[in-house]
Amino acid sequence: STLPSQFAGLSVQTPASSPYAVSVGGTRLELRSDGSYLTESAWGDPLERGGGGGGISASEARPAWQQGPGVIRPGLNPAAHRQIPDVAGPSDPFSGFNVCGTMPGASTPTCSGGAGGTSAAAPFWAASMLLVQQYAKSHGAGSLARCFAGPILYDLAAKHQPVPAFHQITLGNNGFYPAAPGWNFATGLGSPDVFNLAQDYTALLQGLSSHTCPF
């Protein structure tokens, strides 16, 4: 609030705002006592002035494939620029990842918790998509498993699927934008149920009549 106005406005960063990247927002993950999934909310920390990113690019046009419930926001985005994030993953350090490593000479790893931020959610998504691609290839999708994921994710979210590929995030906010049903500026399409996503992703590619990427 003490900075000049040109430095205090909302903005988004590259490469997340690129239409050639899948942008990842942040969530806080809640688990049951047995470790199974319970719920998620948008990650925002008002005390630390932190949270997941989201917003509208000042220069990139919204790609044709960025469509679906909640995407079209003429009041917020009259110029139809690129909107992020596309998806979301666990980011709150208080529900973060354990990081384990074995020091030289040690026989067992040591672990520390609390790794978070979208710097954790982005590699979580990268690892998840590698598993999805491996599953798709092993079930006959072949080279199509390596098609650009962004358009496919929106296509899966916009249509009824045999199993739900995304956890819809409707609670919380990222410090500015609230989570809401459908796509939103805090969590995008939501976080993945990775096994479900792999099945839906594979079924879409298997249904193609040609051997070229669909987008």
C-alpha atoms as a PDB file:
ATOM      1  CA  SER A   1       0.000   0.000   0.000  1.00  0.00           C
ATOM      2  CA  THR A   2       3.001   2.346   0.340  1.00  0.00           C
ATOM      3  CA  LEU A   3       4.372   1.554  -3.125  1.00  0.00           C
ATOM      4  CA  PRO A   4       3.620   3.670  -6.207  1.00  0.00           C
ATOM      5  CA  SER A   5       0.449   2.524  -7.960  1.00  0.00           C
ATOM      6  CA  GLN A   6       2.335   1.015 -10.913  1.00  0.00           C
ATOM      7  CA  PHE A   7       3.912  -1.482  -8.501  1.00  0.00           C
ATOM      8  CA  ALA A   8       0.901  -2.164  -6.281  1.00  0.00           C
ATOM      9  CA  GLY A   9      -1.644  -3.489  -8.767  1.00  0.00           C
ATOM     10  CA  LEU A  10      -2.523  -7.115  -9.321  1.00  0.00           C
ATOM     11  CA  SER A  11      -0.502  -8.915 -11.960  1.00  0.00           C
ATOM     12  CA  VAL A  12       0.429 -12.387 -13.148  1.00  0.00           C
ATOM     13  CA  GLN A  13       3.847 -13.703 -14.047  1.00  0.00           C
ATOM     14  CA  THR A  14       5.363 -15.572 -16.944  1.00  0.00           C
ATOM     15  CA  PRO A  15       5.666 -18.413 -17.708  1.00  0.00           C
ATOM     16  CA  ALA A  16       2.440 -19.162 -15.809  1.00  0.00           C
ATOM     17  CA  SER A  17       0.494 -16.721 -17.977  1.00  0.00           C
ATOM     18  CA  SER A  18       1.690 -18.306 -21.213  1.00  0.00           C
ATOM     19  CA  PRO A  19      -0.983 -20.162 -23.217  1.00  0.00           C
ATOM     20  CA  TYR A  20       1.680 -22.820 -23.797  1.00  0.00           C
ATOM     21  CA  ALA A  21       1.988 -23.667 -20.093  1.00  0.00           C
ATOM     22  CA  VAL A  22      -0.299 -25.247 -17.529  1.00  0.00           C
ATOM     23  CA  SER A  23      -0.514 -22.821 -14.604  1.00  0.00           C
ATOM     24  CA  VAL A  24      -0.864 -24.262 -11.081  1.00  0.00           C
ATOM     25  CA  GLY A  25      -2.609 -22.542  -8.168  1.00  0.00           C
ATOM     26  CA  GLY A  26      -2.512 -23.511  -4.510  1.00  0.00           C
ATOM     27  CA  THR A  27      -4.709 -25.318  -2.009  1.00  0.00           C
ATOM     28  CA  ARG A  28      -4.756 -26.310   1.626  1.00  0.00           C
ATOM     29  CA  LEU A  29      -5.268 -30.066   1.874  1.00  0.00           C
ATOM     30  CA  GLU A  30      -7.202 -31.774   4.670  1.00  0.00           C
ATOM     31  CA  LEU A  31      -6.861 -35.534   5.240  1.00  0.00           C
ATOM     32  CA  ARG A  32      -8.797 -38.027   7.329  1.00  0.00           C
ATOM     33  CA  SER A  33      -7.076 -39.789  10.230  1.00  0.00           C
ATOM     34  CA  ASP A  34      -6.356 -42.771   7.956  1.00  0.00           C
ATOM     35  CA  GLY A  35      -4.584 -40.529   5.442  1.00  0.00           C
ATOM     36  CA  SER A  36      -7.354 -40.529   2.836  1.00  0.00           C
ATOM     37  CA  TYR A  37      -8.542 -37.388   1.085  1.00  0.00           C
ATOM     38  CA  LEU A  38     -11.114 -35.242   2.935  1.00  0.00           C
ATOM     39  CA  THR A  39     -11.310 -31.793   1.356  1.00  0.00           C
ATOM     40  CA  GLU A  40      -9.339 -28.817   0.050  1.00  0.00           C
ATOM     41  CA  SER A  41      -9.675 -25.056   0.125  1.00  0.00           C
ATOM     42  CA  ALA A  42      -7.925 -22.293  -1.758  1.00  0.00           C
ATOM     43  CA  TRP A  43      -4.593 -21.426  -0.170  1.00  0.00           C
ATOM     44  CA  GLY A  44      -4.376 -17.937   1.262  1.00  0.00           C
ATOM     45  CA  ASP A  45      -2.416 -16.733   4.292  1.00  0.00           C
ATOM     46  CA  PRO A  46      -3.490 -13.212   5.294  1.00  0.00           C
ATOM     47  CA  LEU A  47      -0.939 -12.985   8.114  1.00  0.00           C
ATOM     48  CA  GLU A  48       1.984 -13.756   5.799  1.00  0.00           C
ATOM     49  CA  ARG A  49       0.353 -11.952   2.848  1.00  0.00           C
ATOM     50  CA  GLY A  50       0.833 -15.102   0.817  1.00  0.00           C
ATOM     51  CA  GLY A  51      -1.238 -17.523  -1.210  1.00  0.00           C
ATOM     52  CA  GLY A  52      -1.676 -19.120  -4.584  1.00  0.00           C
ATOM     53  CA  GLY A  53      -1.410 -16.975  -7.684  1.00  0.00           C
ATOM     54  CA  GLY A  54      -4.231 -16.147 -10.060  1.00  0.00           C
ATOM     55  CA  GLY A  55      -5.492 -13.413 -12.317  1.00  0.00           C
ATOM     56  CA  ILE A  56      -5.508 -12.057 -15.838  1.00  0.00           C
ATOM     57  CA  SER A  57      -2.598 -11.568 -18.222  1.00  0.00           C
ATOM     58  CA  ALA A  58      -2.038  -8.016 -19.459  1.00  0.00           C
ATOM     59  CA  SER A  59      -0.829  -9.190 -22.861  1.00  0.00           C
ATOM     60  CA  GLU A  60      -1.630 -12.827 -23.670  1.00  0.00           C
ATOM     61  CA  ALA A  61      -4.977 -13.612 -25.304  1.00  0.00           C
ATOM     62  CA  ARG A  62      -7.142 -16.291 -23.758  1.00  0.00           C
ATOM     63  CA  PRO A  63      -6.482 -19.415 -25.828  1.00  0.00           C
ATOM     64  CA  ALA A  64      -9.440 -20.965 -27.630  1.00  0.00           C
ATOM     65  CA  TRP A  65      -9.166 -24.088 -25.497  1.00  0.00           C
ATOM     66  CA  GLN A  66      -9.648 -22.191 -22.215  1.00  0.00           C
ATOM     67  CA  GLN A  67     -13.386 -22.773 -22.065  1.00  0.00           C
ATOM     68  CA  GLY A  68     -15.861 -24.227 -19.594  1.00  0.00           C
ATOM     69  CA  PRO A  69     -18.111 -23.363 -16.666  1.00  0.00           C
ATOM     70  CA  GLY A  70     -16.816 -20.282 -14.847  1.00  0.00           C
ATOM     71  CA  VAL A  71     -14.210 -19.307 -17.455  1.00  0.00           C
ATOM     72  CA  ILE A  72     -15.988 -16.533 -19.340  1.00  0.00           C
ATOM     73  CA  ARG A  73     -15.868 -13.411 -17.130  1.00  0.00           C
ATOM     74  CA  PRO A  74     -16.648 -10.354 -19.293  1.00  0.00           C
ATOM     75  CA  GLY A  75     -17.014  -8.151 -16.208  1.00  0.00           C
ATOM     76  CA  LEU A  76     -13.536  -9.011 -14.924  1.00  0.00           C
ATOM     77  CA  ASN A  77     -11.859  -9.732 -18.241  1.00  0.00           C
ATOM     78  CA  PRO A  78     -13.509  -7.662 -21.011  1.00  0.00           C
ATOM     79  CA  ALA A  79     -10.479  -7.998 -23.313  1.00  0.00           C
ATOM     80  CA  ALA A  80     -10.606 -11.819 -23.102  1.00  0.00           C
ATOM     81  CA  HIS A  81      -6.983 -12.220 -21.985  1.00  0.00           C
ATOM     82  CA  ARG A  82      -5.381 -15.371 -20.599  1.00  0.00           C
ATOM     83  CA  GLN A  83      -6.697 -16.346 -17.167  1.00  0.00           C
ATOM     84  CA  ILE A  84      -4.779 -18.357 -14.573  1.00  0.00           C
ATOM     85  CA  PRO A  85      -4.429 -20.744 -12.851  1.00  0.00           C
ATOM     86  CA  ASP A  86      -5.520 -23.721 -14.907  1.00  0.00           C
ATOM     87  CA  VAL A  87      -5.414 -26.234 -12.046  1.00  0.00           C
ATOM     88  CA  ALA A  88      -4.318 -26.372  -8.405  1.00  0.00           C
ATOM     89  CA  GLY A  89      -2.403 -28.557  -5.974  1.00  0.00           C
ATOM     90  CA  PRO A  90      -1.360 -28.729  -2.290  1.00  0.00           C
ATOM     91  CA  SER A  91       0.613 -25.588  -1.405  1.00  0.00           C
ATOM     92  CA  ASP A  92      -0.069 -24.514   2.163  1.00  0.00           C
ATOM     93  CA  PRO A  93       3.140 -25.271   4.147  1.00  0.00           C
ATOM     94  CA  PHE A  94       0.976 -26.233   7.139  1.00  0.00           C
ATOM     95  CA  SER A  95      -0.442 -29.107   5.078  1.00  0.00           C
ATOM     96  CA  GLY A  96       2.653 -29.431   2.939  1.00  0.00           C
ATOM     97  CA  PHE A  97       4.900 -32.193   1.707  1.00  0.00           C
ATOM     98  CA  ASN A  98       7.486 -34.148   3.663  1.00  0.00           C
ATOM     99  CA  VAL A  99      10.935 -33.864   2.112  1.00  0.00           C
ATOM    100  CA  CYS A 100      13.199 -36.837   2.804  1.00  0.00           C
ATOM    101  CA  GLY A 101      16.844 -37.389   2.032  1.00  0.00           C
ATOM    102  CA  THR A 102      19.661 -39.704   3.051  1.00  0.00           C
ATOM    103  CA  MET A 103      22.835 -37.936   4.056  1.00  0.00           C
ATOM    104  CA  PRO A 104      26.222 -39.328   2.944  1.00  0.00           C
ATOM    105  CA  GLY A 105      27.161 -42.204   5.239  1.00  0.00           C
ATOM    106  CA  ALA A 106      23.659 -42.544   6.693  1.00  0.00           C
ATOM    107  CA  SER A 107      21.635 -45.719   6.336  1.00  0.00           C
ATOM    108  CA  THR A 108      18.184 -44.200   6.736  1.00  0.00           C
ATOM    109  CA  PRO A 109      16.629 -41.003   5.415  1.00  0.00           C
ATOM    110  CA  THR A 110      15.729 -38.004   7.511  1.00  0.00           C
ATOM    111  CA  CYS A 111      12.515 -36.149   6.779  1.00  0.00           C
ATOM    112  CA  SER A 112      11.245 -32.660   7.398  1.00  0.00           C
ATOM    113  CA  GLY A 113       7.737 -31.396   6.825  1.00  0.00           C
ATOM    114  CA  GLY A 114       6.254 -28.116   5.774  1.00  0.00           C
ATOM    115  CA  ALA A 115       7.429 -27.882   2.160  1.00  0.00           C
ATOM    116  CA  GLY A 116       4.809 -25.871   0.326  1.00  0.00           C
ATOM    117  CA  GLY A 117       4.014 -23.012  -1.987  1.00  0.00           C
ATOM    118  CA  THR A 118       3.059 -23.323  -5.618  1.00  0.00           C
ATOM    119  CA  SER A 119       6.731 -24.206  -6.069  1.00  0.00           C
ATOM    120  CA  ALA A 120       5.650 -27.529  -4.545  1.00  0.00           C
ATOM    121  CA  ALA A 121       2.274 -27.741  -6.302  1.00  0.00           C
ATOM    122  CA  ALA A 122       3.797 -27.298  -9.774  1.00  0.00           C
ATOM    123  CA  PRO A 123       6.212 -30.280  -9.512  1.00  0.00           C
ATOM    124  CA  PHE A 124       3.376 -32.260  -7.891  1.00  0.00           C
ATOM    125  CA  TRP A 125       1.376 -31.673 -11.079  1.00  0.00           C
ATOM    126  CA  ALA A 126       4.379 -32.459 -13.288  1.00  0.00           C
ATOM    127  CA  ALA A 127       4.852 -35.788 -11.499  1.00  0.00           C
ATOM    128  CA  SER A 128       1.123 -36.502 -11.662  1.00  0.00           C
ATOM    129  CA  MET A 129       1.028 -35.862 -15.420  1.00  0.00           C
ATOM    130  CA  LEU A 130       4.003 -38.172 -15.912  1.00  0.00           C
ATOM    131  CA  LEU A 131       1.994 -40.930 -14.212  1.00  0.00           C
ATOM    132  CA  VAL A 132      -1.031 -40.052 -16.370  1.00  0.00           C
ATOM    133  CA  GLN A 133       1.087 -40.230 -19.533  1.00  0.00           C
ATOM    134  CA  GLN A 134       2.583 -43.565 -18.502  1.00  0.00           C
ATOM    135  CA  TYR A 135      -0.882 -44.963 -17.814  1.00  0.00           C
ATOM    136  CA  ALA A 136      -2.216 -43.662 -21.129  1.00  0.00           C
ATOM    137  CA  LYS A 137       0.697 -45.106 -23.099  1.00  0.00           C
ATOM    138  CA  SER A 138       0.394 -48.497 -21.368  1.00  0.00           C
ATOM    139  CA  HIS A 139      -3.305 -48.579 -22.294  1.00  0.00           C
ATOM    140  CA  GLY A 140      -2.835 -47.977 -25.996  1.00  0.00           C
ATOM    141  CA  ALA A 141      -2.685 -44.175 -26.321  1.00  0.00           C
ATOM    142  CA  GLY A 142       0.890 -44.371 -27.615  1.00  0.00           C
ATOM    143  CA  SER A 143       2.532 -41.095 -28.574  1.00  0.00           C
ATOM    144  CA  LEU A 144      -0.761 -39.237 -28.056  1.00  0.00           C
ATOM    145  CA  ALA A 145      -0.135 -39.535 -24.325  1.00  0.00           C
ATOM    146  CA  ARG A 146       2.373 -36.702 -24.782  1.00  0.00           C
ATOM    147  CA  CYS A 147      -0.090 -34.234 -26.323  1.00  0.00           C
ATOM    148  CA  PHE A 148      -0.149 -30.788 -24.695  1.00  0.00           C
ATOM    149  CA  ALA A 149      -2.127 -31.324 -21.490  1.00  0.00           C
ATOM    150  CA  GLY A 150      -3.756 -27.877 -21.127  1.00  0.00           C
ATOM    151  CA  PRO A 151      -6.524 -28.234 -23.720  1.00  0.00           C
ATOM    152  CA  ILE A 152      -7.174 -31.839 -22.697  1.00  0.00           C
ATOM    153  CA  LEU A 153      -7.657 -30.873 -19.043  1.00  0.00           C
ATOM    154  CA  TYR A 154     -10.256 -28.244 -19.965  1.00  0.00           C
ATOM    155  CA  ASP A 155     -12.005 -30.663 -22.299  1.00  0.00           C
ATOM    156  CA  LEU A 156     -12.207 -33.273 -19.536  1.00  0.00           C
ATOM    157  CA  ALA A 157     -13.515 -30.728 -17.018  1.00  0.00           C
ATOM    158  CA  ALA A 158     -16.192 -29.411 -19.376  1.00  0.00           C
ATOM    159  CA  LYS A 159     -17.747 -32.813 -20.122  1.00  0.00           C
ATOM    160  CA  HIS A 160     -19.235 -35.506 -17.928  1.00  0.00           C
ATOM    161  CA  GLN A 161     -16.639 -38.193 -17.262  1.00  0.00           C
ATOM    162  CA  PRO A 162     -17.025 -41.796 -16.082  1.00  0.00           C
ATOM    163  CA  VAL A 163     -15.024 -40.871 -12.974  1.00  0.00           C
ATOM    164  CA  PRO A 164     -14.418 -37.285 -11.733  1.00  0.00           C
ATOM    165  CA  ALA A 165     -10.918 -36.183 -12.719  1.00  0.00           C
ATOM    166  CA  PHE A 166     -10.833 -33.083 -10.477  1.00  0.00           C
ATOM    167  CA  HIS A 167     -11.589 -32.193  -6.900  1.00  0.00           C
ATOM    168  CA  GLN A 168     -13.731 -29.084  -7.236  1.00  0.00           C
ATOM    169  CA  ILE A 169     -12.499 -26.386  -4.804  1.00  0.00           C
ATOM    170  CA  THR A 170     -15.280 -24.133  -3.518  1.00  0.00           C
ATOM    171  CA  LEU A 171     -13.900 -22.985  -0.145  1.00  0.00           C
ATOM    172  CA  GLY A 172     -11.417 -20.256   0.767  1.00  0.00           C
ATOM    173  CA  ASN A 173      -9.546 -17.680  -1.284  1.00  0.00           C
ATOM    174  CA  ASN A 174      -5.995 -16.938  -2.417  1.00  0.00           C
ATOM    175  CA  GLY A 175      -5.847 -13.578  -0.680  1.00  0.00           C
ATOM    176  CA  PHE A 176      -7.950 -11.834  -3.318  1.00  0.00           C
ATOM    177  CA  TYR A 177      -9.979 -14.187  -5.492  1.00  0.00           C
ATOM    178  CA  PRO A 178     -12.430 -16.654  -3.891  1.00  0.00           C
ATOM    179  CA  ALA A 179     -12.783 -20.286  -4.839  1.00  0.00           C
ATOM    180  CA  ALA A 180     -16.134 -21.076  -6.442  1.00  0.00           C
ATOM    181  CA  PRO A 181     -17.936 -23.824  -8.386  1.00  0.00           C
ATOM    182  CA  GLY A 182     -16.504 -24.302 -11.864  1.00  0.00           C
ATOM    183  CA  TRP A 183     -13.251 -22.686 -12.972  1.00  0.00           C
ATOM    184  CA  ASN A 184     -12.081 -19.858 -10.685  1.00  0.00           C
ATOM    185  CA  PHE A 185      -9.137 -17.467 -10.305  1.00  0.00           C
ATOM    186  CA  ALA A 186      -7.945 -19.140  -7.087  1.00  0.00           C
ATOM    187  CA  THR A 187      -7.830 -22.834  -8.007  1.00  0.00           C
ATOM    188  CA  GLY A 188      -8.646 -23.098 -11.720  1.00  0.00           C
ATOM    189  CA  LEU A 189     -10.334 -26.378 -12.593  1.00  0.00           C
ATOM    190  CA  GLY A 190      -9.369 -27.835  -9.202  1.00  0.00           C
ATOM    191  CA  SER A 191      -6.883 -30.412  -7.967  1.00  0.00           C
ATOM    192  CA  PRO A 192      -6.468 -33.863  -9.514  1.00  0.00           C
ATOM    193  CA  ASP A 193      -7.700 -37.262  -8.508  1.00  0.00           C
ATOM    194  CA  VAL A 194      -4.703 -38.671 -10.325  1.00  0.00           C
ATOM    195  CA  PHE A 195      -6.006 -42.193 -10.985  1.00  0.00           C
ATOM    196  CA  ASN A 196      -9.342 -40.863 -12.211  1.00  0.00           C
ATOM    197  CA  LEU A 197      -7.570 -38.283 -14.360  1.00  0.00           C
ATOM    198  CA  ALA A 198      -5.415 -41.010 -15.898  1.00  0.00           C
ATOM    199  CA  GLN A 199      -8.482 -43.062 -16.800  1.00  0.00           C
ATOM    200  CA  ASP A 200     -10.377 -40.119 -18.315  1.00  0.00           C
ATOM    201  CA  TYR A 201      -7.307 -38.809 -20.149  1.00  0.00           C
ATOM    202  CA  THR A 202      -6.687 -42.231 -21.639  1.00  0.00           C
ATOM    203  CA  ALA A 203     -10.316 -42.724 -22.688  1.00  0.00           C
ATOM    204  CA  LEU A 204     -10.325 -39.357 -24.486  1.00  0.00           C
ATOM    205  CA  LEU A 205      -7.176 -40.192 -26.438  1.00  0.00           C
ATOM    206  CA  GLN A 206      -8.337 -43.723 -27.211  1.00  0.00           C
ATOM    207  CA  GLY A 207     -11.500 -42.266 -28.727  1.00  0.00           C
ATOM    208  CA  LEU A 208      -9.670 -40.179 -31.326  1.00  0.00           C
ATOM    209  CA  SER A 209     -10.117 -41.271 -34.916  1.00  0.00           C
ATOM    210  CA  SER A 210      -6.716 -39.932 -35.962  1.00  0.00           C
ATOM    211  CA  HIS A 211      -3.247 -40.299 -34.519  1.00  0.00           C
ATOM    212  CA  THR A 212      -2.680 -36.559 -34.080  1.00  0.00           C
ATOM    213  CA  CYS A 213      -3.060 -34.489 -30.940  1.00  0.00           C
ATOM    214  CA  PRO A 214      -6.609 -33.165 -30.570  1.00  0.00           C
ATOM    215  CA  PHE A 215      -5.630 -29.512 -30.038  1.00  0.00           C
END
